[in-house]
C-alpha atoms as a PDB file:
ATOM      1  CA  MET A   1     107.445  96.988 114.322  1.00  0.00           C
ATOM      2  CA  LYS A   2     110.111  94.790 115.861  1.00  0.00           C
ATOM      3  CA  PRO A   3     113.389  95.520 114.052  1.00  0.00           C
ATOM      4  CA  ASN A   4     114.982  92.242 115.128  1.00  0.00           C
ATOM      5  CA  ALA A   5     112.141  90.243 113.604  1.00  0.00           C
ATOM      6  CA  PHE A   6     112.455  92.207 110.375  1.00  0.00           C
ATOM      7  CA  ILE A   7     116.227  91.767 110.161  1.00  0.00           C
ATOM      8  CA  PHE A   8     115.903  88.042 110.876  1.00  0.00           C
ATOM      9  CA  LEU A   9     113.343  87.521 108.117  1.00  0.00           C
ATOM     10  CA  VAL A  10     115.361  89.542 105.615  1.00  0.00           C
ATOM     11  CA  PHE A  11     118.427  87.505 106.572  1.00  0.00           C
ATOM     12  CA  LEU A  12     116.561  84.280 105.868  1.00  0.00           C
ATOM     13  CA  VAL A  13     115.325  85.606 102.540  1.00  0.00           C
ATOM     14  CA  THR A  14     118.823  86.777 101.571  1.00  0.00           C
ATOM     15  CA  ILE A  15     120.670  83.562 102.361  1.00  0.00           C
ATOM     16  CA  SER A  16     118.013  81.446 100.678  1.00  0.00           C
ATOM     17  CA  ALA A  17     118.136  83.407  97.403  1.00  0.00           C
ATOM     18  CA  ALA A  18     120.041  82.004  94.464  1.00  0.00           C
ATOM     19  CA  PRO A  19     120.900  84.999  92.234  1.00  0.00           C
ATOM     20  CA  MET A  20     122.450  82.937  89.436  1.00  0.00           C
ATOM     21  CA  VAL A  21     119.337  80.777  89.157  1.00  0.00           C
ATOM     22  CA  PHE A  22     117.053  83.795  89.242  1.00  0.00           C
ATOM     23  CA  SER A  23     119.141  85.693  86.657  1.00  0.00           C
ATOM     24  CA  GLN A  24     118.702  82.802  84.228  1.00  0.00           C
ATOM     25  CA  ASN A  25     114.930  83.081  84.700  1.00  0.00           C
ATOM     26  CA  TYR A  26     115.008  86.854  84.255  1.00  0.00           C
ATOM     27  CA  ILE A  27     112.824  88.055  81.378  1.00  0.00           C
ATOM     28  CA  VAL A  28     114.817  90.434  79.192  1.00  0.00           C
ATOM     29  CA  GLY A  29     113.448  93.631  77.728  1.00  0.00           C
ATOM     30  CA  GLU A  30     114.241  96.966  76.119  1.00  0.00           C
ATOM     31  CA  GLY A  31     117.404  98.598  77.444  1.00  0.00           C
ATOM     32  CA  ASP A  32     118.894  95.459  79.001  1.00  0.00           C
ATOM     33  CA  VAL A  33     122.510  94.805  78.049  1.00  0.00           C
ATOM     34  CA  LEU A  34     123.465  91.195  77.292  1.00  0.00           C
ATOM     35  CA  LYS A  35     126.957  89.724  77.224  1.00  0.00           C
ATOM     36  CA  ILE A  36     127.132  86.871  74.717  1.00  0.00           C
ATOM     37  CA  THR A  37     130.066  84.459  74.633  1.00  0.00           C
ATOM     38  CA  VAL A  38     130.598  81.578  72.237  1.00  0.00           C
ATOM     39  CA  TYR A  39     133.094  78.981  73.397  1.00  0.00           C
ATOM     40  CA  ASP A  40     136.189  78.742  71.214  1.00  0.00           C
ATOM     41  CA  HIS A  41     134.911  81.600  69.016  1.00  0.00           C
ATOM     42  CA  ASN A  42     136.171  84.793  70.631  1.00  0.00           C
ATOM     43  CA  ASP A  43     135.348  86.753  67.486  1.00  0.00           C
ATOM     44  CA  LEU A  44     131.654  86.031  68.075  1.00  0.00           C
ATOM     45  CA  SER A  45     131.635  87.152  71.711  1.00  0.00           C
ATOM     46  CA  GLN A  46     129.999  90.541  72.119  1.00  0.00           C
ATOM     47  CA  THR A  47     127.987  92.848  74.342  1.00  0.00           C
ATOM     48  CA  VAL A  48     124.674  94.084  72.956  1.00  0.00           C
ATOM     49  CA  ARG A  49     121.785  96.249  74.114  1.00  0.00           C
ATOM     50  CA  ILE A  50     118.171  95.282  73.435  1.00  0.00           C
ATOM     51  CA  GLY A  51     116.582  97.924  71.248  1.00  0.00           C
ATOM     52  CA  GLY A  52     113.136  99.449  71.325  1.00  0.00           C
ATOM     53  CA  ASP A  53     111.908  96.806  68.907  1.00  0.00           C
ATOM     54  CA  GLY A  54     113.019  94.033  71.288  1.00  0.00           C
ATOM     55  CA  THR A  55     115.861  92.849  69.081  1.00  0.00           C
ATOM     56  CA  ILE A  56     119.656  92.573  69.280  1.00  0.00           C
ATOM     57  CA  MET A  57     122.284  92.539  66.528  1.00  0.00           C
ATOM     58  CA  VAL A  58     124.296  89.317  66.759  1.00  0.00           C
ATOM     59  CA  SER A  59     127.476  88.461  64.876  1.00  0.00           C
ATOM     60  CA  LEU A  60     126.731  86.208  61.854  1.00  0.00           C
ATOM     61  CA  LEU A  61     123.046  85.999  62.765  1.00  0.00           C
ATOM     62  CA  GLY A  62     122.034  89.611  62.311  1.00  0.00           C
ATOM     63  CA  GLN A  63     118.890  90.887  64.015  1.00  0.00           C
ATOM     64  CA  VAL A  64     117.401  88.492  66.566  1.00  0.00           C
ATOM     65  CA  LYS A  65     114.162  89.040  68.526  1.00  0.00           C
ATOM     66  CA  VAL A  66     114.709  88.364  72.243  1.00  0.00           C
ATOM     67  CA  GLU A  67     112.308  90.591  74.185  1.00  0.00           C
ATOM     68  CA  GLY A  68     110.009  88.598  76.441  1.00  0.00           C
ATOM     69  CA  LEU A  69     112.376  85.640  76.652  1.00  0.00           C
ATOM     70  CA  SER A  70     114.223  84.453  79.743  1.00  0.00           C
ATOM     71  CA  VAL A  71     118.013  84.500  79.731  1.00  0.00           C
ATOM     72  CA  THR A  72     117.924  80.723  79.392  1.00  0.00           C
ATOM     73  CA  ALA A  73     115.553  80.968  76.409  1.00  0.00           C
ATOM     74  CA  VAL A  74     117.788  83.567  74.743  1.00  0.00           C
ATOM     75  CA  THR A  75     120.755  81.222  75.185  1.00  0.00           C
ATOM     76  CA  GLU A  76     118.818  78.327  73.663  1.00  0.00           C
ATOM     77  CA  LYS A  77     117.597  80.465  70.755  1.00  0.00           C
ATOM     78  CA  LEU A  78     121.086  81.714  69.859  1.00  0.00           C
ATOM     79  CA  THR A  79     122.509  78.200  70.208  1.00  0.00           C
ATOM     80  CA  ALA A  80     119.889  76.839  67.795  1.00  0.00           C
ATOM     81  CA  LEU A  81     120.462  79.661  65.299  1.00  0.00           C
ATOM     82  CA  TYR A  82     124.236  79.192  65.317  1.00  0.00           C
ATOM     83  CA  ALA A  83     123.802  75.420  64.932  1.00  0.00           C
ATOM     84  CA  ASP A  84     121.637  75.979  61.865  1.00  0.00           C
ATOM     85  CA  GLY A  85     124.440  76.067  59.292  1.00  0.00           C
ATOM     86  CA  TYR A  86     126.929  78.323  61.062  1.00  0.00           C
ATOM     87  CA  LEU A  87     128.742  76.372  63.808  1.00  0.00           C
ATOM     88  CA  VAL A  88     129.133  72.744  64.817  1.00  0.00           C
ATOM     89  CA  ASP A  89     127.920  72.076  68.349  1.00  0.00           C
ATOM     90  CA  PRO A  90     127.999  75.748  69.453  1.00  0.00           C
ATOM     91  CA  GLN A  91     128.296  76.458  73.171  1.00  0.00           C
ATOM     92  CA  VAL A  92     126.680  79.809  73.891  1.00  0.00           C
ATOM     93  CA  ASN A  93     126.460  81.626  77.197  1.00  0.00           C
ATOM     94  CA  VAL A  94     124.359  84.726  77.844  1.00  0.00           C
ATOM     95  CA  PHE A  95     124.674  86.945  80.920  1.00  0.00           C
ATOM     96  CA  ILE A  96     122.946  90.141  81.994  1.00  0.00           C
ATOM     97  CA  GLU A  97     125.485  92.964  81.897  1.00  0.00           C
ATOM     98  CA  GLU A  98     122.990  95.719  82.790  1.00  0.00           C
ATOM     99  CA  PHE A  99     119.397  95.527  83.978  1.00  0.00           C
ATOM    100  CA  LYS A 100     117.299  98.351  82.536  1.00  0.00           C
ATOM    101  CA  SER A 101     113.842  97.099  81.621  1.00  0.00           C
ATOM    102  CA  ARG A 102     112.506  95.871  84.967  1.00  0.00           C
ATOM    103  CA  LYS A 103     112.129  98.486  87.680  1.00  0.00           C
ATOM    104  CA  ALA A 104     109.895  99.225  90.643  1.00  0.00           C
ATOM    105  CA  THR A 105     109.510 102.266  92.876  1.00  0.00           C
ATOM    106  CA  ILE A 106     109.372 102.162  96.671  1.00  0.00           C
ATOM    107  CA  LEU A 107     108.479 105.296  98.619  1.00  0.00           C
ATOM    108  CA  GLY A 108     107.449 106.279 102.118  1.00  0.00           C
ATOM    109  CA  GLN A 109     108.945 104.942 105.298  1.00  0.00           C
ATOM    110  CA  VAL A 110     112.099 103.232 103.994  1.00  0.00           C
ATOM    111  CA  ALA A 111     115.664 104.418 104.509  1.00  0.00           C
ATOM    112  CA  GLN A 112     116.417 104.939 100.809  1.00  0.00           C
ATOM    113  CA  PRO A 113     113.227 105.514  98.797  1.00  0.00           C
ATOM    114  CA  GLY A 114     113.567 105.482  95.032  1.00  0.00           C
ATOM    115  CA  LEU A 115     113.560 103.488  91.796  1.00  0.00           C
ATOM    116  CA  TYR A 116     115.112 100.008  91.930  1.00  0.00           C
ATOM    117  CA  GLU A 117     116.027  97.516  89.232  1.00  0.00           C
ATOM    118  CA  LEU A 118     114.503  94.071  89.649  1.00  0.00           C
ATOM    119  CA  ARG A 119     117.531  91.962  88.822  1.00  0.00           C
ATOM    120  CA  HIS A 120     115.818  88.666  89.559  1.00  0.00           C
ATOM    121  CA  HIS A 121     112.691  87.284  91.205  1.00  0.00           C
ATOM    122  CA  THR A 122     112.309  90.013  93.855  1.00  0.00           C
ATOM    123  CA  THR A 123     109.894  89.796  96.786  1.00  0.00           C
ATOM    124  CA  LEU A 124     108.475  92.652  98.847  1.00  0.00           C
ATOM    125  CA  LEU A 125     110.848  91.982 101.746  1.00  0.00           C
ATOM    126  CA  GLU A 126     113.839  91.843  99.412  1.00  0.00           C
ATOM    127  CA  LEU A 127     112.923  95.205  97.883  1.00  0.00           C
ATOM    128  CA  ILE A 128     112.470  96.747 101.340  1.00  0.00           C
ATOM    129  CA  SER A 129     115.905  95.382 102.237  1.00  0.00           C
ATOM    130  CA  GLN A 130     117.426  96.898  99.062  1.00  0.00           C
ATOM    131  CA  ALA A 131     115.881 100.222 100.092  1.00  0.00           C
ATOM    132  CA  GLY A 132     117.732 100.108 103.413  1.00  0.00           C
ATOM    133  CA  GLY A 133     114.935  98.675 105.532  1.00  0.00           C
ATOM    134  CA  LEU A 134     111.994 100.285 107.273  1.00  0.00           C
ATOM    135  CA  THR A 135     112.309 103.523 109.236  1.00  0.00           C
ATOM    136  CA  LYS A 136     111.346 103.722 112.896  1.00  0.00           C
ATOM    137  CA  ASP A 137     108.154 105.542 111.876  1.00  0.00           C
ATOM    138  CA  ALA A 138     106.981 102.824 109.477  1.00  0.00           C
ATOM    139  CA  GLY A 139     103.390 101.763 109.875  1.00  0.00           C
ATOM    140  CA  ALA A 140     101.761  98.375 109.565  1.00  0.00           C
ATOM    141  CA  LEU A 141     100.656  98.647 105.946  1.00  0.00           C
ATOM    142  CA  ALA A 142     102.299  98.658 102.527  1.00  0.00           C
ATOM    143  CA  THR A 143     100.284  99.629  99.454  1.00  0.00           C
ATOM    144  CA  ILE A 144     101.329  98.336  96.036  1.00  0.00           C
ATOM    145  CA  LYS A 145      99.921 100.054  92.961  1.00  0.00           C
ATOM    146  CA  ARG A 146     100.128  97.619  90.057  1.00  0.00           C
ATOM    147  CA  ARG A 147      99.060  97.761  86.429  1.00  0.00           C
ATOM    148  CA  ASP A 148      95.773  95.972  85.935  1.00  0.00           C
ATOM    149  CA  GLY A 149      96.149  93.632  82.979  1.00  0.00           C
ATOM    150  CA  MET A 150      92.366  93.482  82.618  1.00  0.00           C
ATOM    151  CA  ALA A 151      92.076  97.112  81.522  1.00  0.00           C
ATOM    152  CA  GLU A 152      94.682  99.159  79.674  1.00  0.00           C
ATOM    153  CA  GLY A 153      95.945 102.132  81.668  1.00  0.00           C
ATOM    154  CA  SER A 154      94.220 101.104  84.880  1.00  0.00           C
ATOM    155  CA  GLU A 155      95.792 100.155  88.197  1.00  0.00           C
ATOM    156  CA  LYS A 156      94.857  97.991  91.122  1.00  0.00           C
ATOM    157  CA  ASP A 157      95.855  98.445  94.759  1.00  0.00           C
ATOM    158  CA  ILE A 158      97.296  95.600  96.814  1.00  0.00           C
ATOM    159  CA  THR A 159      97.459  96.162 100.559  1.00  0.00           C
ATOM    160  CA  ILE A 160      99.974  94.153 102.578  1.00  0.00           C
ATOM    161  CA  ASP A 161      99.834  93.826 106.364  1.00  0.00           C
ATOM    162  CA  LEU A 162     103.517  94.250 107.266  1.00  0.00           C
ATOM    163  CA  LYS A 163     102.856  93.403 110.891  1.00  0.00           C
ATOM    164  CA  ALA A 164     101.409  90.013 109.908  1.00  0.00           C
ATOM    165  CA  LEU A 165     104.242  89.433 107.449  1.00  0.00           C
ATOM    166  CA  VAL A 166     107.150  90.406 109.692  1.00  0.00           C
ATOM    167  CA  GLU A 167     106.023  89.656 113.229  1.00  0.00           C
ATOM    168  CA  LYS A 168     103.662  86.745 112.625  1.00  0.00           C
ATOM    169  CA  GLY A 169     105.628  85.167 109.782  1.00  0.00           C
ATOM    170  CA  ASP A 170     102.723  85.119 107.314  1.00  0.00           C
ATOM    171  CA  THR A 171     105.056  84.561 104.348  1.00  0.00           C
ATOM    172  CA  HIS A 172     102.325  84.272 101.720  1.00  0.00           C
ATOM    173  CA  LEU A 173     102.152  88.073 102.066  1.00  0.00           C
ATOM    174  CA  ASN A 174     105.753  88.304 100.836  1.00  0.00           C
ATOM    175  CA  ILE A 175     104.545  88.623  97.264  1.00  0.00           C
ATOM    176  CA  PRO A 176     106.766  88.962  94.162  1.00  0.00           C
ATOM    177  CA  ILE A 177     107.276  92.510  92.948  1.00  0.00           C
ATOM    178  CA  GLU A 178     106.463  93.107  89.277  1.00  0.00           C
ATOM    179  CA  PRO A 179     108.009  95.630  86.860  1.00  0.00           C
ATOM    180  CA  GLY A 180     106.240  98.973  87.134  1.00  0.00           C
ATOM    181  CA  ASP A 181     104.997  98.383  90.692  1.00  0.00           C
ATOM    182  CA  ASN A 182     104.815 101.434  92.945  1.00  0.00           C
ATOM    183  CA  ILE A 183     105.154 100.506  96.613  1.00  0.00           C
ATOM    184  CA  TYR A 184     104.315 102.931  99.400  1.00  0.00           C
ATOM    185  CA  ILE A 185     105.144 102.195 103.046  1.00  0.00           C
ATOM    186  CA  GLN A 186     102.756 104.163 105.206  1.00  0.00           C
ATOM    187  CA  LYS A 187     103.783 106.147 108.242  1.00  0.00           C
ATOM    188  CA  ALA A 188     102.567 104.743 111.523  1.00  0.00           C
ATOM    189  CA  ASN A 189      99.700 106.378 113.320  1.00  0.00           C
ATOM    190  CA  MET A 190     100.969 107.880 116.555  1.00  0.00           C
ATOM    191  CA  VAL A 191      99.402 108.349 119.963  1.00  0.00           C
ATOM    192  CA  TYR A 192     100.776 110.484 122.776  1.00  0.00           C
ATOM    193  CA  VAL A 193     100.680 109.235 126.365  1.00  0.00           C
ATOM    194  CA  SER A 194     101.428 111.680 129.156  1.00  0.00           C
ATOM    195  CA  GLY A 195     100.966 112.129 132.868  1.00  0.00           C
ATOM    196  CA  GLU A 196     101.235 109.377 135.467  1.00  0.00           C
ATOM    197  CA  VAL A 197     102.667 106.583 133.334  1.00  0.00           C
ATOM    198  CA  LYS A 198     106.112 105.068 133.688  1.00  0.00           C
ATOM    199  CA  LYS A 199     107.336 105.950 130.191  1.00  0.00           C
ATOM    200  CA  PRO A 200     105.510 108.997 128.809  1.00  0.00           C
ATOM    201  CA  GLY A 201     106.060 109.434 125.104  1.00  0.00           C
ATOM    202  CA  VAL A 202     104.867 108.839 121.544  1.00  0.00           C
ATOM    203  CA  TYR A 203     103.794 105.338 120.481  1.00  0.00           C
ATOM    204  CA  ASN A 204     102.570 103.598 117.331  1.00  0.00           C
ATOM    205  CA  CYS A 205      98.879 102.899 117.337  1.00  0.00           C
ATOM    206  CA  LEU A 206      97.139 100.303 115.204  1.00  0.00           C
ATOM    207  CA  SER A 207      93.480  99.941 114.345  1.00  0.00           C
ATOM    208  CA  ASP A 208      92.940  97.802 117.464  1.00  0.00           C
ATOM    209  CA  THR A 209      94.924  99.954 119.912  1.00  0.00           C
ATOM    210  CA  SER A 210      92.816 100.816 122.947  1.00  0.00           C
ATOM    211  CA  VAL A 211      93.509 103.309 125.729  1.00  0.00           C
ATOM    212  CA  ILE A 212      94.729 100.586 128.088  1.00  0.00           C
ATOM    213  CA  LYS A 213      96.948  99.089 125.378  1.00  0.00           C
ATOM    214  CA  ALA A 214      98.542 102.494 124.742  1.00  0.00           C
ATOM    215  CA  ILE A 215      99.079 102.965 128.465  1.00  0.00           C
ATOM    216  CA  THR A 216     100.664  99.507 128.627  1.00  0.00           C
ATOM    217  CA  LEU A 217     103.050 100.535 125.855  1.00  0.00           C
ATOM    218  CA  ALA A 218     103.955 103.503 128.041  1.00  0.00           C
ATOM    219  CA  GLY A 219     104.937 101.156 130.888  1.00  0.00           C
ATOM    220  CA  GLY A 220     101.616 101.185 132.737  1.00  0.00           C
ATOM    221  CA  PHE A 221     100.309 103.397 135.510  1.00  0.00           C
ATOM    222  CA  THR A 222     102.538 104.847 138.207  1.00  0.00           C
ATOM    223  CA  ASP A 223     101.592 104.497 141.883  1.00  0.00           C
ATOM    224  CA  LYS A 224     100.209 108.039 141.787  1.00  0.00           C
ATOM    225  CA  ALA A 225      97.913 107.498 138.798  1.00  0.00           C
ATOM    226  CA  ALA A 226      94.155 107.913 138.858  1.00  0.00           C
ATOM    227  CA  PRO A 227      93.014 105.214 136.375  1.00  0.00           C
ATOM    228  CA  GLY A 228      89.377 106.243 136.662  1.00  0.00           C
ATOM    229  CA  LYS A 229      90.067 109.794 135.509  1.00  0.00           C
ATOM    230  CA  VAL A 230      92.000 109.183 132.282  1.00  0.00           C
ATOM    231  CA  LYS A 231      91.089 111.620 129.535  1.00  0.00           C
ATOM    232  CA  VAL A 232      91.686 111.675 125.793  1.00  0.00           C
ATOM    233  CA  ILE A 233      92.258 114.831 123.786  1.00  0.00           C
ATOM    234  CA  ARG A 234      91.252 114.296 120.170  1.00  0.00           C
ATOM    235  CA  LYS A 235      91.171 116.558 117.129  1.00  0.00           C
ATOM    236  CA  VAL A 236      87.828 116.484 115.337  1.00  0.00           C
ATOM    237  CA  ASP A 237      87.358 118.682 112.262  1.00  0.00           C
ATOM    238  CA  GLY A 238      90.351 120.785 113.298  1.00  0.00           C
ATOM    239  CA  ARG A 239      89.099 121.357 116.844  1.00  0.00           C
ATOM    240  CA  GLU A 240      90.265 119.709 120.056  1.00  0.00           C
ATOM    241  CA  GLU A 241      87.717 117.711 122.004  1.00  0.00           C
ATOM    242  CA  VAL A 242      88.402 116.478 125.527  1.00  0.00           C
ATOM    243  CA  MET A 243      86.825 113.201 126.588  1.00  0.00           C
ATOM    244  CA  GLU A 244      86.792 112.795 130.341  1.00  0.00           C
ATOM    245  CA  LYS A 245      86.944 109.547 132.346  1.00  0.00           C
ATOM    246  CA  VAL A 246      87.204 107.407 129.238  1.00  0.00           C
ATOM    247  CA  ALA A 247      86.701 103.656 129.191  1.00  0.00           C
ATOM    248  CA  MET A 248      89.894 101.627 129.042  1.00  0.00           C
ATOM    249  CA  ASP A 249      88.671  99.746 125.953  1.00  0.00           C
ATOM    250  CA  LEU A 250      88.099 102.939 123.948  1.00  0.00           C
ATOM    251  CA  LEU A 251      89.957 102.649 120.634  1.00  0.00           C
ATOM    252  CA  VAL A 252      92.424 105.467 120.051  1.00  0.00           C
ATOM    253  CA  THR A 253      92.995 107.212 116.726  1.00  0.00           C
ATOM    254  CA  SER A 254      96.054 108.839 115.221  1.00  0.00           C
ATOM    255  CA  ASP A 255      97.333 111.903 117.130  1.00  0.00           C
ATOM    256  CA  ASP A 256      95.198 111.243 120.200  1.00  0.00           C
ATOM    257  CA  VAL A 257      96.687 112.533 123.449  1.00  0.00           C
ATOM    258  CA  ILE A 258      96.057 110.306 126.468  1.00  0.00           C
ATOM    259  CA  VAL A 259      96.413 112.104 129.776  1.00  0.00           C
ATOM    260  CA  VAL A 260      96.679 110.108 133.009  1.00  0.00           C
ATOM    261  CA  PRO A 261      96.111 112.473 135.942  1.00  0.00           C
ATOM    262  CA  GLU A 262      97.538 112.139 139.428  1.00  0.00           C
ATOM    263  CA  SER A 263      95.326 110.839 142.201  1.00  0.00           C
ATOM    264  CA  PHE A 264      94.985 113.220 145.129  1.00  0.00           C
ATOM    265  CA  PHE A 265      93.367 110.734 147.463  1.00  0.00           C
END
């Protein structure tokens, strides 16, 4: 993948985000810690944690159910409750002190794999950025395992073409990440190009990578190359098979070794 393209897209996503707006839309849940302030009533300001039953204990009001509400909705609910016989024109503010209920896991070819809190509306690219970005060995696909709401306990797989997202700018693939998602960034398939090419080495291969495309990645043929005698060494069922004088449009597979011999004539 092109790192500059990735960095540029992540930069655009980052500067366009509005964390304060997103935090107000955040849906609270068990374990989240809320900071509640009531203007001109310091004695009512407090910090509370949402319990397993989805409720918080609020000064004067007692137990209040908040799980499943946005921060804005919690603010409106507390304001209405305080206004109902307790305070005149109460001005309530609610902020997220700690995010605990919304998390997603990202593994595979990212710099810092692990469990991340979704502090606001988080997209795939934003989560990859939080995880330190893609490694140099990252492949073209990301797989997201997500709870299937249609059947309890079941999951569905969502496959994202990172190459289309990052290099081609197909932003509809930059989907929102949901709590409980497990994202796996696959390792790139590799092909080895050796012999009479300008830059012998290891290169990423995609599903449409042909022999000539791999050779092009390796800088093309040298003046001594014998293009008509290129061979591919491929492992099949644990055994190496050598294909001689292969066609240039032959599609390569992961771990293929392309050998470009020297011409003696």
